[in-house]
Amino acid sequence: MGFLGTGWPPIDAELDDVKIRLSKLYDAIETGKLSLDDLASRIKEHRTRQDELSKAKIQLEANMVARGATHVDAEVVKSYAADLKSLLQEADITESKTFLRSFIERVEIDKAQAVIHYNLPVPQHCGKKQSAEVLPIDTLGGAGGIRTPYLLNAIQALSQMSYSPTR
């Protein structure tokens, strides 16, 4: 299941919850258990929340499209997770923590639930080729490079130089 087609799962779950609550409030009005005056403010709160969540879902989907995320294959995710698991099992604790900190932004814990906020690096598309320039390896200077490897040669070169001021 891809994230793009379904929105972001927590937003979808909350949207479903708001819809269910609104449905129950409408049922209470239709059956005559409560009057519209009693529920008007609560209905308004739920509709406002529903609008906010819908806007957030649309924004998330637009951001994902802008970044180029179109479909997430479950098998690809499973293979990445297996690779990550083996990498973390083989690394020592310091390397594992450093690696995880490179993409986990924060972890929020609320009683028995934890929410992890992260940014995973997106692999480059196979069709795109990136080129990077490399600095030349050519050394400047003579056969000995930019420094004279032998101290005797350096002393001879210095003795041949003239230090007299020119006018």
N, C-alpha and C. Protein backbone atom coordinates (compact mmCIF):
# COMPACT_ATOMS: atom_id res chain seq x y z
N MET A 1 0.85 -1.17 0.00
CA MET A 1 0.00 0.00 0.00
C MET A 1 0.89 1.23 0.00
N GLY A 2 0.66 2.13 -0.92
CA GLY A 2 1.46 3.34 -1.00
C GLY A 2 0.85 4.46 -0.19
N PHE A 3 1.68 5.34 0.30
CA PHE A 3 1.19 6.46 1.09
C PHE A 3 0.46 7.48 0.25
N LEU A 4 0.87 7.64 -1.01
CA LEU A 4 0.29 8.70 -1.81
C LEU A 4 -1.18 8.46 -2.08
N GLY A 5 -1.57 7.24 -2.37
CA GLY A 5 -2.96 6.97 -2.69
C GLY A 5 -3.87 7.06 -1.50
N THR A 6 -3.36 6.89 -0.29
CA THR A 6 -4.22 6.84 0.87
C THR A 6 -4.00 8.00 1.83
N GLY A 7 -3.16 8.94 1.47
CA GLY A 7 -2.85 10.01 2.42
C GLY A 7 -1.88 9.51 3.46
N TRP A 8 -1.75 10.27 4.49
CA TRP A 8 -0.85 9.85 5.56
C TRP A 8 -1.70 9.08 6.57
N PRO A 9 -1.36 7.83 6.90
CA PRO A 9 -2.23 6.98 7.72
C PRO A 9 -2.77 7.63 9.00
N PRO A 10 -1.97 8.37 9.80
CA PRO A 10 -2.57 8.99 10.99
C PRO A 10 -3.66 10.01 10.65
N ILE A 11 -3.48 10.74 9.57
CA ILE A 11 -4.50 11.72 9.17
C ILE A 11 -5.75 10.99 8.71
N ASP A 12 -5.59 9.92 7.93
CA ASP A 12 -6.74 9.14 7.49
C ASP A 12 -7.50 8.57 8.68
N ALA A 13 -6.78 8.06 9.66
CA ALA A 13 -7.43 7.47 10.84
C ALA A 13 -8.21 8.54 11.61
N GLU A 14 -7.62 9.71 11.76
CA GLU A 14 -8.32 10.78 12.48
C GLU A 14 -9.52 11.29 11.68
N LEU A 15 -9.37 11.38 10.37
CA LEU A 15 -10.50 11.78 9.52
C LEU A 15 -11.66 10.79 9.66
N ASP A 16 -11.35 9.50 9.65
CA ASP A 16 -12.37 8.47 9.83
C ASP A 16 -13.05 8.61 11.18
N ASP A 17 -12.26 8.89 12.22
CA ASP A 17 -12.81 9.07 13.56
C ASP A 17 -13.77 10.26 13.61
N VAL A 18 -13.38 11.37 12.98
CA VAL A 18 -14.24 12.56 12.96
C VAL A 18 -15.54 12.25 12.21
N LYS A 19 -15.45 11.53 11.10
CA LYS A 19 -16.65 11.18 10.32
C LYS A 19 -17.59 10.31 11.14
N ILE A 20 -17.04 9.35 11.88
CA ILE A 20 -17.86 8.47 12.72
C ILE A 20 -18.56 9.28 13.81
N ARG A 21 -17.80 10.19 14.43
CA ARG A 21 -18.39 11.02 15.49
C ARG A 21 -19.51 11.91 14.95
N LEU A 22 -19.28 12.51 13.79
CA LEU A 22 -20.31 13.34 13.18
C LEU A 22 -21.55 12.51 12.85
N SER A 23 -21.33 11.31 12.35
CA SER A 23 -22.44 10.41 12.02
C SER A 23 -23.27 10.09 13.26
N LYS A 24 -22.59 9.85 14.38
CA LYS A 24 -23.30 9.56 15.63
C LYS A 24 -24.10 10.77 16.11
N LEU A 25 -23.52 11.96 15.96
CA LEU A 25 -24.24 13.17 16.36
C LEU A 25 -25.48 13.38 15.47
N TYR A 26 -25.33 13.14 14.16
CA TYR A 26 -26.49 13.27 13.26
C TYR A 26 -27.56 12.24 13.60
N ASP A 27 -27.13 11.03 13.94
CA ASP A 27 -28.09 9.99 14.34
C ASP A 27 -28.86 10.41 15.59
N ALA A 28 -28.15 11.03 16.55
CA ALA A 28 -28.80 11.47 17.79
C ALA A 28 -29.85 12.54 17.49
N ILE A 29 -29.58 13.40 16.53
CA ILE A 29 -30.55 14.43 16.15
C ILE A 29 -31.74 13.80 15.43
N GLU A 30 -31.45 12.88 14.46
CA GLU A 30 -32.51 12.26 13.67
C GLU A 30 -33.44 11.40 14.52
N THR A 31 -32.90 10.74 15.53
CA THR A 31 -33.74 9.88 16.38
C THR A 31 -34.44 10.67 17.46
N GLY A 32 -34.12 11.94 17.60
CA GLY A 32 -34.78 12.78 18.59
C GLY A 32 -34.22 12.65 19.99
N LYS A 33 -33.09 11.96 20.16
CA LYS A 33 -32.48 11.81 21.48
C LYS A 33 -31.97 13.15 22.00
N LEU A 34 -31.44 13.96 21.09
CA LEU A 34 -30.94 15.29 21.45
C LEU A 34 -31.38 16.28 20.38
N SER A 35 -31.43 17.54 20.76
CA SER A 35 -31.85 18.56 19.79
C SER A 35 -30.63 19.17 19.10
N LEU A 36 -30.89 19.84 17.98
CA LEU A 36 -29.82 20.48 17.24
C LEU A 36 -29.14 21.56 18.08
N ASP A 37 -29.92 22.25 18.90
CA ASP A 37 -29.34 23.28 19.77
C ASP A 37 -28.31 22.69 20.73
N ASP A 38 -28.57 21.46 21.19
CA ASP A 38 -27.65 20.81 22.13
C ASP A 38 -26.33 20.41 21.45
N LEU A 39 -26.39 20.06 20.17
CA LEU A 39 -25.23 19.49 19.49
C LEU A 39 -24.57 20.43 18.48
N ALA A 40 -25.14 21.60 18.24
CA ALA A 40 -24.64 22.49 17.20
C ALA A 40 -23.16 22.85 17.39
N SER A 41 -22.78 23.20 18.60
CA SER A 41 -21.38 23.59 18.82
C SER A 41 -20.43 22.41 18.62
N ARG A 42 -20.85 21.22 19.06
CA ARG A 42 -20.00 20.03 18.90
C ARG A 42 -19.87 19.66 17.42
N ILE A 43 -20.96 19.76 16.68
CA ILE A 43 -20.92 19.48 15.24
C ILE A 43 -19.99 20.47 14.55
N LYS A 44 -20.08 21.73 14.95
CA LYS A 44 -19.22 22.75 14.35
C LYS A 44 -17.75 22.44 14.62
N GLU A 45 -17.41 22.01 15.84
CA GLU A 45 -16.02 21.65 16.18
C GLU A 45 -15.52 20.51 15.30
N HIS A 46 -16.37 19.48 15.14
CA HIS A 46 -15.96 18.33 14.33
C HIS A 46 -15.81 18.71 12.85
N ARG A 47 -16.68 19.55 12.35
CA ARG A 47 -16.56 19.98 10.95
C ARG A 47 -15.29 20.80 10.73
N THR A 48 -14.97 21.66 11.70
CA THR A 48 -13.74 22.46 11.60
C THR A 48 -12.52 21.54 11.59
N ARG A 49 -12.53 20.56 12.48
CA ARG A 49 -11.42 19.60 12.55
C ARG A 49 -11.32 18.79 11.25
N GLN A 50 -12.47 18.40 10.72
CA GLN A 50 -12.51 17.64 9.47
C GLN A 50 -11.90 18.46 8.33
N ASP A 51 -12.25 19.75 8.26
CA ASP A 51 -11.69 20.63 7.23
C ASP A 51 -10.17 20.77 7.38
N GLU A 52 -9.70 20.94 8.62
CA GLU A 52 -8.26 21.07 8.87
C GLU A 52 -7.51 19.81 8.44
N LEU A 53 -8.07 18.65 8.79
CA LEU A 53 -7.42 17.39 8.43
C LEU A 53 -7.42 17.17 6.92
N SER A 54 -8.51 17.52 6.28
CA SER A 54 -8.58 17.38 4.81
C SER A 54 -7.54 18.27 4.13
N LYS A 55 -7.39 19.49 4.62
CA LYS A 55 -6.38 20.39 4.07
C LYS A 55 -4.97 19.84 4.30
N ALA A 56 -4.72 19.32 5.50
CA ALA A 56 -3.40 18.76 5.81
C ALA A 56 -3.11 17.56 4.92
N LYS A 57 -4.12 16.73 4.67
CA LYS A 57 -3.94 15.55 3.81
C LYS A 57 -3.61 15.98 2.39
N ILE A 58 -4.32 16.98 1.88
CA ILE A 58 -4.06 17.47 0.53
C ILE A 58 -2.66 18.06 0.44
N GLN A 59 -2.25 18.81 1.46
CA GLN A 59 -0.91 19.40 1.48
C GLN A 59 0.17 18.33 1.48
N LEU A 60 -0.02 17.29 2.30
CA LEU A 60 0.95 16.19 2.35
C LEU A 60 1.05 15.49 1.00
N GLU A 61 -0.09 15.23 0.38
CA GLU A 61 -0.08 14.56 -0.91
C GLU A 61 0.60 15.43 -1.96
N ALA A 62 0.33 16.75 -1.91
CA ALA A 62 0.97 17.67 -2.86
C ALA A 62 2.48 17.69 -2.66
N ASN A 63 2.92 17.69 -1.41
CA ASN A 63 4.36 17.67 -1.12
C ASN A 63 5.00 16.38 -1.63
N MET A 64 4.30 15.26 -1.47
CA MET A 64 4.85 13.99 -1.93
C MET A 64 4.95 13.97 -3.45
N VAL A 65 3.96 14.53 -4.12
CA VAL A 65 4.00 14.59 -5.58
C VAL A 65 5.14 15.51 -6.02
N ALA A 66 5.30 16.63 -5.33
CA ALA A 66 6.37 17.58 -5.68
C ALA A 66 7.74 16.94 -5.51
N ARG A 67 7.89 16.08 -4.52
CA ARG A 67 9.17 15.40 -4.29
C ARG A 67 9.37 14.23 -5.24
N GLY A 68 8.32 13.84 -5.93
CA GLY A 68 8.46 12.76 -6.89
C GLY A 68 8.02 11.40 -6.36
N ALA A 69 7.50 11.33 -5.16
CA ALA A 69 7.02 10.06 -4.63
C ALA A 69 5.68 9.74 -5.26
N THR A 70 5.59 8.62 -5.96
CA THR A 70 4.34 8.28 -6.62
C THR A 70 3.76 6.97 -6.11
N HIS A 71 4.60 6.02 -5.81
CA HIS A 71 4.10 4.72 -5.37
C HIS A 71 5.16 4.06 -4.50
N VAL A 72 4.70 3.41 -3.46
CA VAL A 72 5.62 2.69 -2.58
C VAL A 72 5.26 1.22 -2.68
N ASP A 73 6.21 0.42 -3.15
CA ASP A 73 6.00 -1.02 -3.28
C ASP A 73 6.32 -1.68 -1.95
N ALA A 74 5.39 -2.47 -1.43
CA ALA A 74 5.57 -3.11 -0.13
C ALA A 74 6.79 -4.03 -0.11
N GLU A 75 7.06 -4.72 -1.20
CA GLU A 75 8.22 -5.62 -1.24
C GLU A 75 9.54 -4.85 -1.18
N VAL A 76 9.57 -3.69 -1.83
CA VAL A 76 10.78 -2.86 -1.79
C VAL A 76 11.01 -2.36 -0.37
N VAL A 77 9.93 -1.93 0.29
CA VAL A 77 10.04 -1.46 1.68
C VAL A 77 10.52 -2.58 2.58
N LYS A 78 10.00 -3.78 2.38
CA LYS A 78 10.44 -4.93 3.19
C LYS A 78 11.92 -5.23 2.98
N SER A 79 12.38 -5.13 1.73
CA SER A 79 13.79 -5.41 1.48
C SER A 79 14.68 -4.34 2.12
N TYR A 80 14.24 -3.06 2.03
CA TYR A 80 15.00 -1.99 2.70
C TYR A 80 15.03 -2.20 4.20
N ALA A 81 13.88 -2.61 4.77
CA ALA A 81 13.82 -2.85 6.21
C ALA A 81 14.75 -4.00 6.61
N ALA A 82 14.80 -5.05 5.80
CA ALA A 82 15.70 -6.17 6.10
C ALA A 82 17.16 -5.72 6.04
N ASP A 83 17.49 -4.92 5.03
CA ASP A 83 18.86 -4.39 4.93
C ASP A 83 19.21 -3.53 6.14
N LEU A 84 18.27 -2.68 6.53
CA LEU A 84 18.48 -1.81 7.69
C LEU A 84 18.66 -2.63 8.96
N LYS A 85 17.84 -3.66 9.11
CA LYS A 85 17.94 -4.52 10.28
C LYS A 85 19.31 -5.20 10.36
N SER A 86 19.77 -5.75 9.22
CA SER A 86 21.07 -6.42 9.24
C SER A 86 22.20 -5.43 9.50
N LEU A 87 22.08 -4.23 8.93
CA LEU A 87 23.09 -3.20 9.16
C LEU A 87 23.17 -2.83 10.64
N LEU A 88 22.01 -2.64 11.27
CA LEU A 88 21.98 -2.26 12.68
C LEU A 88 22.44 -3.40 13.59
N GLN A 89 22.19 -4.65 13.19
CA GLN A 89 22.64 -5.78 14.00
C GLN A 89 24.15 -5.95 13.94
N GLU A 90 24.74 -5.63 12.79
CA GLU A 90 26.19 -5.80 12.63
C GLU A 90 26.99 -4.66 13.24
N ALA A 91 26.40 -3.47 13.30
CA ALA A 91 27.12 -2.30 13.81
C ALA A 91 27.12 -2.29 15.33
N ASP A 92 28.13 -1.60 15.90
CA ASP A 92 28.12 -1.46 17.35
C ASP A 92 27.11 -0.37 17.74
N ILE A 93 26.86 -0.21 19.01
CA ILE A 93 25.79 0.68 19.48
C ILE A 93 26.03 2.13 19.08
N THR A 94 27.27 2.58 19.09
CA THR A 94 27.57 3.96 18.73
C THR A 94 27.28 4.22 17.25
N GLU A 95 27.71 3.30 16.40
CA GLU A 95 27.45 3.44 14.97
C GLU A 95 25.95 3.40 14.68
N SER A 96 25.24 2.50 15.36
CA SER A 96 23.79 2.39 15.17
C SER A 96 23.08 3.68 15.56
N LYS A 97 23.44 4.23 16.72
CA LYS A 97 22.81 5.47 17.17
C LYS A 97 23.11 6.62 16.22
N THR A 98 24.34 6.71 15.75
CA THR A 98 24.71 7.78 14.82
C THR A 98 23.92 7.65 13.53
N PHE A 99 23.81 6.44 13.02
CA PHE A 99 23.07 6.21 11.79
C PHE A 99 21.60 6.59 11.95
N LEU A 100 20.98 6.14 13.03
CA LEU A 100 19.56 6.44 13.26
C LEU A 100 19.33 7.94 13.44
N ARG A 101 20.24 8.60 14.12
CA ARG A 101 20.10 10.05 14.33
C ARG A 101 20.22 10.84 13.03
N SER A 102 20.81 10.22 11.99
CA SER A 102 20.99 10.93 10.73
C SER A 102 19.66 11.16 10.00
N PHE A 103 18.63 10.37 10.30
CA PHE A 103 17.35 10.59 9.63
C PHE A 103 16.15 10.68 10.56
N ILE A 104 16.28 10.35 11.83
CA ILE A 104 15.16 10.49 12.77
C ILE A 104 15.20 11.90 13.36
N GLU A 105 14.11 12.64 13.16
CA GLU A 105 14.05 14.01 13.66
C GLU A 105 13.69 14.05 15.13
N ARG A 106 12.64 13.31 15.50
CA ARG A 106 12.24 13.28 16.91
C ARG A 106 11.31 12.10 17.16
N VAL A 107 11.18 11.70 18.43
CA VAL A 107 10.29 10.63 18.85
C VAL A 107 9.39 11.19 19.93
N GLU A 108 8.08 11.07 19.71
CA GLU A 108 7.11 11.54 20.70
C GLU A 108 6.47 10.31 21.34
N ILE A 109 6.51 10.26 22.67
CA ILE A 109 5.93 9.13 23.39
C ILE A 109 4.77 9.63 24.22
N ASP A 110 3.60 8.99 24.02
CA ASP A 110 2.40 9.34 24.75
C ASP A 110 1.82 8.07 25.32
N LYS A 111 2.08 7.82 26.59
CA LYS A 111 1.66 6.62 27.30
C LYS A 111 2.15 5.37 26.57
N ALA A 112 1.26 4.62 25.93
CA ALA A 112 1.66 3.36 25.30
C ALA A 112 1.90 3.51 23.80
N GLN A 113 1.88 4.75 23.29
CA GLN A 113 2.04 4.96 21.86
C GLN A 113 3.27 5.83 21.60
N ALA A 114 4.02 5.49 20.57
CA ALA A 114 5.19 6.28 20.17
C ALA A 114 5.02 6.69 18.71
N VAL A 115 5.34 7.95 18.42
CA VAL A 115 5.30 8.45 17.05
C VAL A 115 6.71 8.89 16.69
N ILE A 116 7.22 8.37 15.59
CA ILE A 116 8.57 8.69 15.14
C ILE A 116 8.47 9.60 13.93
N HIS A 117 9.10 10.77 14.02
CA HIS A 117 9.15 11.72 12.91
C HIS A 117 10.52 11.57 12.24
N TYR A 118 10.52 11.27 10.95
CA TYR A 118 11.77 10.98 10.26
C TYR A 118 11.73 11.44 8.82
N ASN A 119 12.89 11.53 8.22
CA ASN A 119 13.07 11.81 6.80
C ASN A 119 14.06 10.80 6.25
N LEU A 120 13.55 9.82 5.54
CA LEU A 120 14.43 8.84 4.94
C LEU A 120 14.98 9.39 3.63
N PRO A 121 16.23 9.14 3.35
CA PRO A 121 16.77 9.58 2.06
C PRO A 121 16.10 8.80 0.94
N VAL A 122 15.67 9.51 -0.09
CA VAL A 122 15.00 8.87 -1.22
C VAL A 122 16.06 8.47 -2.23
N PRO A 123 16.07 7.19 -2.67
CA PRO A 123 17.06 6.77 -3.65
C PRO A 123 16.88 7.53 -4.96
N GLN A 124 17.97 7.79 -5.64
CA GLN A 124 17.91 8.47 -6.92
C GLN A 124 17.27 7.55 -7.94
N HIS A 125 16.58 8.13 -8.91
CA HIS A 125 15.97 7.33 -9.97
C HIS A 125 17.07 6.69 -10.80
N CYS A 126 16.83 5.47 -11.20
CA CYS A 126 17.85 4.71 -11.93
C CYS A 126 18.22 5.38 -13.25
N GLY A 127 17.25 6.03 -13.90
CA GLY A 127 17.52 6.64 -15.19
C GLY A 127 18.41 7.86 -15.11
N LYS A 128 18.44 8.52 -13.99
CA LYS A 128 19.24 9.73 -13.86
C LYS A 128 20.69 9.36 -13.55
N LYS A 129 21.58 10.02 -14.25
CA LYS A 129 23.00 9.82 -13.96
C LYS A 129 23.54 11.12 -13.41
N GLN A 130 24.24 11.00 -12.31
CA GLN A 130 24.84 12.17 -11.71
C GLN A 130 26.32 12.17 -12.04
N SER A 131 26.83 13.35 -12.31
CA SER A 131 28.25 13.45 -12.53
C SER A 131 28.83 14.38 -11.49
N ALA A 132 29.98 14.01 -11.02
CA ALA A 132 30.67 14.84 -10.04
C ALA A 132 32.09 15.06 -10.54
N GLU A 133 32.50 16.29 -10.49
CA GLU A 133 33.85 16.59 -10.94
C GLU A 133 34.85 16.21 -9.86
N VAL A 134 35.99 15.76 -10.30
CA VAL A 134 37.05 15.37 -9.39
C VAL A 134 38.23 16.28 -9.64
N LEU A 135 38.86 16.72 -8.56
CA LEU A 135 40.04 17.56 -8.71
C LEU A 135 41.15 16.78 -9.38
N PRO A 136 41.97 17.43 -10.20
CA PRO A 136 43.04 16.71 -10.89
C PRO A 136 44.09 16.22 -9.89
N ILE A 137 44.73 15.13 -10.25
CA ILE A 137 45.75 14.55 -9.40
C ILE A 137 47.13 15.04 -9.80
N ASP A 138 47.23 15.77 -10.90
CA ASP A 138 48.52 16.26 -11.37
C ASP A 138 49.20 17.09 -10.28
N THR A 139 50.46 16.81 -10.06
CA THR A 139 51.21 17.60 -9.09
C THR A 139 51.92 18.73 -9.82
N LEU A 140 51.95 19.84 -9.19
CA LEU A 140 52.63 20.99 -9.78
C LEU A 140 54.08 20.98 -9.31
N GLY A 141 54.96 21.33 -10.16
CA GLY A 141 56.37 21.36 -9.80
C GLY A 141 57.14 20.36 -10.62
N GLY A 142 58.34 20.09 -10.21
CA GLY A 142 59.21 19.18 -10.94
C GLY A 142 58.93 17.74 -10.63
N ALA A 143 59.89 16.90 -10.96
CA ALA A 143 59.75 15.46 -10.76
C ALA A 143 59.62 15.12 -9.27
N GLY A 144 60.17 15.97 -8.43
CA GLY A 144 60.10 15.73 -6.99
C GLY A 144 58.82 16.26 -6.37
N GLY A 145 57.93 16.81 -7.17
CA GLY A 145 56.70 17.34 -6.63
C GLY A 145 56.87 18.78 -6.22
N ILE A 146 56.00 19.27 -5.36
CA ILE A 146 56.08 20.66 -4.96
C ILE A 146 57.07 20.87 -3.84
N ARG A 147 57.50 19.84 -3.21
CA ARG A 147 58.50 19.93 -2.14
C ARG A 147 59.74 19.15 -2.56
N THR A 148 60.85 19.60 -2.14
CA THR A 148 62.09 18.90 -2.46
C THR A 148 62.23 17.75 -1.49
N PRO A 149 62.28 16.52 -2.00
CA PRO A 149 62.32 15.38 -1.09
C PRO A 149 63.65 15.22 -0.35
N TYR A 150 64.70 15.82 -0.88
CA TYR A 150 66.00 15.65 -0.23
C TYR A 150 66.46 16.98 0.34
N LEU A 151 66.85 16.98 1.56
CA LEU A 151 67.31 18.20 2.23
C LEU A 151 68.55 18.78 1.55
N LEU A 152 69.44 17.93 1.05
CA LEU A 152 70.65 18.41 0.38
C LEU A 152 70.30 19.26 -0.84
N ASN A 153 69.33 18.83 -1.63
CA ASN A 153 68.90 19.61 -2.80
C ASN A 153 68.33 20.96 -2.37
N ALA A 154 67.60 20.99 -1.29
CA ALA A 154 67.01 22.24 -0.80
C ALA A 154 68.10 23.20 -0.37
N ILE A 155 69.10 22.70 0.33
CA ILE A 155 70.20 23.56 0.79
C ILE A 155 70.96 24.12 -0.41
N GLN A 156 71.20 23.30 -1.44
CA GLN A 156 71.92 23.76 -2.63
C GLN A 156 71.12 24.84 -3.35
N ALA A 157 69.80 24.66 -3.42
CA ALA A 157 68.95 25.64 -4.09
C ALA A 157 68.97 26.96 -3.33
N LEU A 158 68.94 26.89 -2.02
CA LEU A 158 68.96 28.13 -1.20
C LEU A 158 70.29 28.84 -1.33
N SER A 159 71.40 28.08 -1.42
CA SER A 159 72.70 28.73 -1.50
C SER A 159 72.89 29.44 -2.82
N GLN A 160 72.16 29.05 -3.84
CA GLN A 160 72.30 29.69 -5.14
C GLN A 160 71.44 30.95 -5.27
N MET A 161 70.55 31.15 -4.34
CA MET A 161 69.66 32.33 -4.41
C MET A 161 70.39 33.56 -3.91
N SER A 162 70.08 34.67 -4.48
CA SER A 162 70.68 35.92 -4.08
C SER A 162 69.73 36.67 -3.17
N TYR A 163 70.23 37.06 -2.00
CA TYR A 163 69.39 37.78 -1.06
C TYR A 163 69.71 39.26 -1.05
N SER A 164 70.50 39.71 -1.99
CA SER A 164 70.87 41.13 -1.97
C SER A 164 69.71 41.95 -2.53
N PRO A 165 69.48 43.10 -1.91
CA PRO A 165 68.38 43.94 -2.39
C PRO A 165 68.70 44.50 -3.76
N THR A 166 67.71 44.60 -4.61
CA THR A 166 67.89 45.13 -5.95
C THR A 166 67.35 46.54 -6.00
N ARG A 167 68.14 47.42 -6.63
CA ARG A 167 67.71 48.84 -6.74
C ARG A 167 67.72 49.28 -8.13
